[in-house]
Amino acid sequence: MKRLLRHSEVLALLLAASFAVTSCGSEPRGTEELEASDITGTWQSNKGGRVVFTEDGAVSFGNITQDRYCVPENMRNAVPRASGDGTWTFDTVPDERPGVRIEFATGHERPAHCALNAIWVGKRPYDQMYLRQDDGKGERYTRDSTAH
């Protein structure tokens, strides 16, 4: 029994050491760098959303899902999608892939402004983007190569 316990301890130690060695060489999530060329252009979702990023930091969007904190409490069920204009800046949410922060006025007294995060996935050139509030809901955006 002691011998089995000793082998288990050695195996656990070897597994821990191999994990430490392999994880040291890999780049942690969220440290990849985005460039404007990775994101500028038109992105269409599989559920009808559309986001257009321009190099000058402007963004326009239509039919995107609302973040529940971007609408007054009494309207959260009545306004499921949003359209508007705003600005974007590079910003990576901790423990996420590279992304940008989208800020815009809500058109309501409270909250007056909203901030959303868009995150790029796939391999460079990044081929998919999602809005953080959509994570796990199956809405993904792909670059629309036909838009000008």
C-alpha atoms as a PDB file:
ATOM      1  CA  MET A   1       0.000   0.000   0.000  1.00  0.00           C
ATOM      2  CA  LYS A   2       2.861   2.379   0.866  1.00  0.00           C
ATOM      3  CA  ARG A   3       4.470   1.594  -2.470  1.00  0.00           C
ATOM      4  CA  LEU A   4       1.254   2.486  -4.350  1.00  0.00           C
ATOM      5  CA  LEU A   5       0.977   5.727  -2.392  1.00  0.00           C
ATOM      6  CA  ARG A   6       4.604   6.574  -3.185  1.00  0.00           C
ATOM      7  CA  HIS A   7       4.032   5.939  -6.928  1.00  0.00           C
ATOM      8  CA  SER A   8       0.958   8.182  -6.849  1.00  0.00           C
ATOM      9  CA  GLU A   9       2.976  10.977  -5.226  1.00  0.00           C
ATOM     10  CA  VAL A  10       5.741  10.655  -7.845  1.00  0.00           C
ATOM     11  CA  LEU A  11       3.187  10.635 -10.678  1.00  0.00           C
ATOM     12  CA  ALA A  12       1.464  13.735  -9.298  1.00  0.00           C
ATOM     13  CA  LEU A  13       4.815  15.512  -9.011  1.00  0.00           C
ATOM     14  CA  LEU A  14       5.757  14.611 -12.595  1.00  0.00           C
ATOM     15  CA  LEU A  15       2.410  15.825 -13.917  1.00  0.00           C
ATOM     16  CA  ALA A  16       2.747  19.115 -12.047  1.00  0.00           C
ATOM     17  CA  ALA A  17       6.291  19.611 -13.385  1.00  0.00           C
ATOM     18  CA  SER A  18       5.277  18.866 -16.976  1.00  0.00           C
ATOM     19  CA  PHE A  19       2.360  21.298 -16.717  1.00  0.00           C
ATOM     20  CA  ALA A  20       4.675  24.027 -15.400  1.00  0.00           C
ATOM     21  CA  VAL A  21       7.157  23.482 -18.242  1.00  0.00           C
ATOM     22  CA  THR A  22       4.551  23.482 -21.012  1.00  0.00           C
ATOM     23  CA  SER A  23       2.628  26.470 -19.675  1.00  0.00           C
ATOM     24  CA  CYS A  24       5.766  28.629 -19.383  1.00  0.00           C
ATOM     25  CA  GLY A  25       6.348  28.528 -23.128  1.00  0.00           C
ATOM     26  CA  SER A  26       2.850  29.462 -24.159  1.00  0.00           C
ATOM     27  CA  GLU A  27       1.546  32.991 -24.404  1.00  0.00           C
ATOM     28  CA  PRO A  28      -1.130  33.754 -21.806  1.00  0.00           C
ATOM     29  CA  ARG A  29      -4.624  34.586 -23.044  1.00  0.00           C
ATOM     30  CA  GLY A  30      -5.227  38.226 -23.753  1.00  0.00           C
ATOM     31  CA  THR A  31      -1.632  39.209 -24.474  1.00  0.00           C
ATOM     32  CA  GLU A  32      -1.810  39.001 -28.252  1.00  0.00           C
ATOM     33  CA  GLU A  33      -1.761  42.409 -29.880  1.00  0.00           C
ATOM     34  CA  LEU A  34      -4.472  43.695 -32.159  1.00  0.00           C
ATOM     35  CA  GLU A  35      -3.825  46.188 -34.908  1.00  0.00           C
ATOM     36  CA  ALA A  36      -6.380  48.499 -36.463  1.00  0.00           C
ATOM     37  CA  SER A  37      -6.222  46.458 -39.677  1.00  0.00           C
ATOM     38  CA  ASP A  38      -7.373  43.388 -37.705  1.00  0.00           C
ATOM     39  CA  ILE A  39     -10.673  45.023 -36.830  1.00  0.00           C
ATOM     40  CA  THR A  40     -11.509  47.874 -39.201  1.00  0.00           C
ATOM     41  CA  GLY A  41     -14.312  47.097 -41.578  1.00  0.00           C
ATOM     42  CA  THR A  42     -17.794  45.702 -41.373  1.00  0.00           C
ATOM     43  CA  TRP A  43     -18.647  42.726 -39.181  1.00  0.00           C
ATOM     44  CA  GLN A  44     -21.964  40.860 -39.590  1.00  0.00           C
ATOM     45  CA  SER A  45     -23.403  38.444 -37.049  1.00  0.00           C
ATOM     46  CA  ASN A  46     -25.237  35.222 -37.698  1.00  0.00           C
ATOM     47  CA  LYS A  47     -28.259  36.819 -35.949  1.00  0.00           C
ATOM     48  CA  GLY A  48     -28.514  40.063 -37.911  1.00  0.00           C
ATOM     49  CA  GLY A  49     -26.146  42.317 -35.968  1.00  0.00           C
ATOM     50  CA  ARG A  50     -23.778  44.646 -37.787  1.00  0.00           C
ATOM     51  CA  VAL A  51     -20.753  46.571 -36.462  1.00  0.00           C
ATOM     52  CA  VAL A  52     -18.562  48.911 -38.544  1.00  0.00           C
ATOM     53  CA  PHE A  53     -15.157  49.943 -37.155  1.00  0.00           C
ATOM     54  CA  THR A  54     -13.174  52.734 -38.851  1.00  0.00           C
ATOM     55  CA  GLU A  55      -9.462  53.490 -38.447  1.00  0.00           C
ATOM     56  CA  ASP A  56     -10.166  56.868 -36.847  1.00  0.00           C
ATOM     57  CA  GLY A  57     -11.752  55.228 -33.781  1.00  0.00           C
ATOM     58  CA  ALA A  58     -15.394  55.603 -34.798  1.00  0.00           C
ATOM     59  CA  VAL A  59     -17.863  52.728 -34.626  1.00  0.00           C
ATOM     60  CA  SER A  60     -21.430  52.362 -35.812  1.00  0.00           C
ATOM     61  CA  PHE A  61     -23.639  49.414 -35.068  1.00  0.00           C
ATOM     62  CA  GLY A  62     -27.100  48.120 -35.815  1.00  0.00           C
ATOM     63  CA  ASN A  63     -29.251  45.385 -34.356  1.00  0.00           C
ATOM     64  CA  ILE A  64     -26.700  44.282 -31.740  1.00  0.00           C
ATOM     65  CA  THR A  65     -27.766  42.703 -28.467  1.00  0.00           C
ATOM     66  CA  GLN A  66     -28.090  45.104 -25.589  1.00  0.00           C
ATOM     67  CA  ASP A  67     -25.979  44.737 -22.515  1.00  0.00           C
ATOM     68  CA  ARG A  68     -28.481  44.762 -19.658  1.00  0.00           C
ATOM     69  CA  TYR A  69     -26.578  47.585 -17.967  1.00  0.00           C
ATOM     70  CA  CYS A  70     -26.936  49.843 -21.011  1.00  0.00           C
ATOM     71  CA  VAL A  71     -30.659  50.451 -20.676  1.00  0.00           C
ATOM     72  CA  PRO A  72     -32.773  51.783 -17.825  1.00  0.00           C
ATOM     73  CA  GLU A  73     -34.049  49.054 -15.519  1.00  0.00           C
ATOM     74  CA  ASN A  74     -37.671  49.539 -16.560  1.00  0.00           C
ATOM     75  CA  MET A  75     -36.766  48.985 -20.257  1.00  0.00           C
ATOM     76  CA  ARG A  76     -34.455  45.971 -20.021  1.00  0.00           C
ATOM     77  CA  ASN A  77     -37.004  43.534 -21.444  1.00  0.00           C
ATOM     78  CA  ALA A  78     -38.452  45.951 -24.016  1.00  0.00           C
ATOM     79  CA  VAL A  79     -35.195  46.892 -25.783  1.00  0.00           C
ATOM     80  CA  PRO A  80     -33.371  43.664 -26.635  1.00  0.00           C
ATOM     81  CA  ARG A  81     -31.281  45.053 -29.550  1.00  0.00           C
ATOM     82  CA  ALA A  82     -29.580  48.400 -30.163  1.00  0.00           C
ATOM     83  CA  SER A  83     -28.312  50.641 -32.944  1.00  0.00           C
ATOM     84  CA  GLY A  84     -26.106  53.706 -32.704  1.00  0.00           C
ATOM     85  CA  ASP A  85     -22.699  55.309 -33.044  1.00  0.00           C
ATOM     86  CA  GLY A  86     -19.750  55.663 -30.733  1.00  0.00           C
ATOM     87  CA  THR A  87     -16.012  55.277 -30.402  1.00  0.00           C
ATOM     88  CA  TRP A  88     -13.665  52.351 -29.944  1.00  0.00           C
ATOM     89  CA  THR A  89     -10.275  51.953 -28.277  1.00  0.00           C
ATOM     90  CA  PHE A  90      -8.018  48.943 -27.817  1.00  0.00           C
ATOM     91  CA  ASP A  91      -8.777  47.231 -24.509  1.00  0.00           C
ATOM     92  CA  THR A  92      -8.350  43.624 -23.420  1.00  0.00           C
ATOM     93  CA  VAL A  93     -10.622  42.304 -20.733  1.00  0.00           C
ATOM     94  CA  PRO A  94      -8.634  40.278 -18.161  1.00  0.00           C
ATOM     95  CA  ASP A  95      -8.518  36.557 -19.036  1.00  0.00           C
ATOM     96  CA  GLU A  96      -9.915  37.216 -22.515  1.00  0.00           C
ATOM     97  CA  ARG A  97      -8.558  37.387 -26.023  1.00  0.00           C
ATOM     98  CA  PRO A  98      -7.535  40.737 -27.570  1.00  0.00           C
ATOM     99  CA  GLY A  99     -10.327  43.229 -28.007  1.00  0.00           C
ATOM    100  CA  VAL A 100     -11.656  46.748 -28.040  1.00  0.00           C
ATOM    101  CA  ARG A 101     -13.886  48.828 -25.809  1.00  0.00           C
ATOM    102  CA  ILE A 102     -16.904  50.391 -27.519  1.00  0.00           C
ATOM    103  CA  GLU A 103     -18.401  53.470 -25.847  1.00  0.00           C
ATOM    104  CA  PHE A 104     -21.575  55.286 -26.826  1.00  0.00           C
ATOM    105  CA  ALA A 105     -24.335  57.494 -25.464  1.00  0.00           C
ATOM    106  CA  THR A 106     -27.480  55.510 -24.698  1.00  0.00           C
ATOM    107  CA  GLY A 107     -30.000  58.243 -25.416  1.00  0.00           C
ATOM    108  CA  HIS A 108     -31.421  57.785 -21.911  1.00  0.00           C
ATOM    109  CA  GLU A 109     -30.856  59.842 -18.791  1.00  0.00           C
ATOM    110  CA  ARG A 110     -29.766  56.752 -16.848  1.00  0.00           C
ATOM    111  CA  PRO A 111     -27.473  55.246 -17.866  1.00  0.00           C
ATOM    112  CA  ALA A 112     -26.254  58.069 -20.083  1.00  0.00           C
ATOM    113  CA  HIS A 113     -23.282  56.125 -21.471  1.00  0.00           C
ATOM    114  CA  CYS A 114     -22.518  52.506 -22.138  1.00  0.00           C
ATOM    115  CA  ALA A 115     -19.313  50.539 -22.642  1.00  0.00           C
ATOM    116  CA  LEU A 116     -19.179  47.157 -24.382  1.00  0.00           C
ATOM    117  CA  ASN A 117     -16.254  44.881 -25.142  1.00  0.00           C
ATOM    118  CA  ALA A 118     -15.684  43.217 -28.497  1.00  0.00           C
ATOM    119  CA  ILE A 119     -13.268  40.281 -28.521  1.00  0.00           C
ATOM    120  CA  TRP A 120     -11.524  38.681 -31.510  1.00  0.00           C
ATOM    121  CA  VAL A 121     -11.015  34.955 -31.796  1.00  0.00           C
ATOM    122  CA  GLY A 122      -9.456  32.573 -34.277  1.00  0.00           C
ATOM    123  CA  LYS A 123      -5.989  32.893 -35.732  1.00  0.00           C
ATOM    124  CA  ARG A 124      -4.570  35.977 -37.347  1.00  0.00           C
ATOM    125  CA  PRO A 125      -6.000  37.325 -39.502  1.00  0.00           C
ATOM    126  CA  TYR A 126      -8.785  37.113 -36.955  1.00  0.00           C
ATOM    127  CA  ASP A 127     -11.892  35.730 -38.576  1.00  0.00           C
ATOM    128  CA  GLN A 128     -14.448  36.065 -35.788  1.00  0.00           C
ATOM    129  CA  MET A 129     -15.497  38.630 -33.236  1.00  0.00           C
ATOM    130  CA  TYR A 130     -18.066  38.489 -30.475  1.00  0.00           C
ATOM    131  CA  LEU A 131     -19.514  41.008 -28.081  1.00  0.00           C
ATOM    132  CA  ARG A 132     -18.782  40.034 -24.522  1.00  0.00           C
ATOM    133  CA  GLN A 133     -22.442  40.187 -23.500  1.00  0.00           C
ATOM    134  CA  ASP A 134     -23.151  37.555 -26.195  1.00  0.00           C
ATOM    135  CA  ASP A 135     -20.565  35.082 -24.920  1.00  0.00           C
ATOM    136  CA  GLY A 136     -22.170  31.670 -24.756  1.00  0.00           C
ATOM    137  CA  LYS A 137     -25.286  32.745 -26.670  1.00  0.00           C
ATOM    138  CA  GLY A 138     -24.048  31.692 -30.098  1.00  0.00           C
ATOM    139  CA  GLU A 139     -23.873  35.113 -31.762  1.00  0.00           C
ATOM    140  CA  ARG A 140     -20.629  35.498 -33.690  1.00  0.00           C
ATOM    141  CA  TYR A 141     -19.536  38.204 -36.098  1.00  0.00           C
ATOM    142  CA  THR A 142     -17.485  37.627 -39.244  1.00  0.00           C
ATOM    143  CA  ARG A 143     -15.895  40.221 -41.493  1.00  0.00           C
ATOM    144  CA  ASP A 144     -18.165  41.196 -44.364  1.00  0.00           C
ATOM    145  CA  SER A 145     -15.857  41.252 -47.371  1.00  0.00           C
ATOM    146  CA  THR A 146     -18.605  42.619 -49.643  1.00  0.00           C
ATOM    147  CA  ALA A 147     -19.144  45.847 -47.641  1.00  0.00           C
ATOM    148  CA  HIS A 148     -17.350  48.994 -48.713  1.00  0.00           C
END
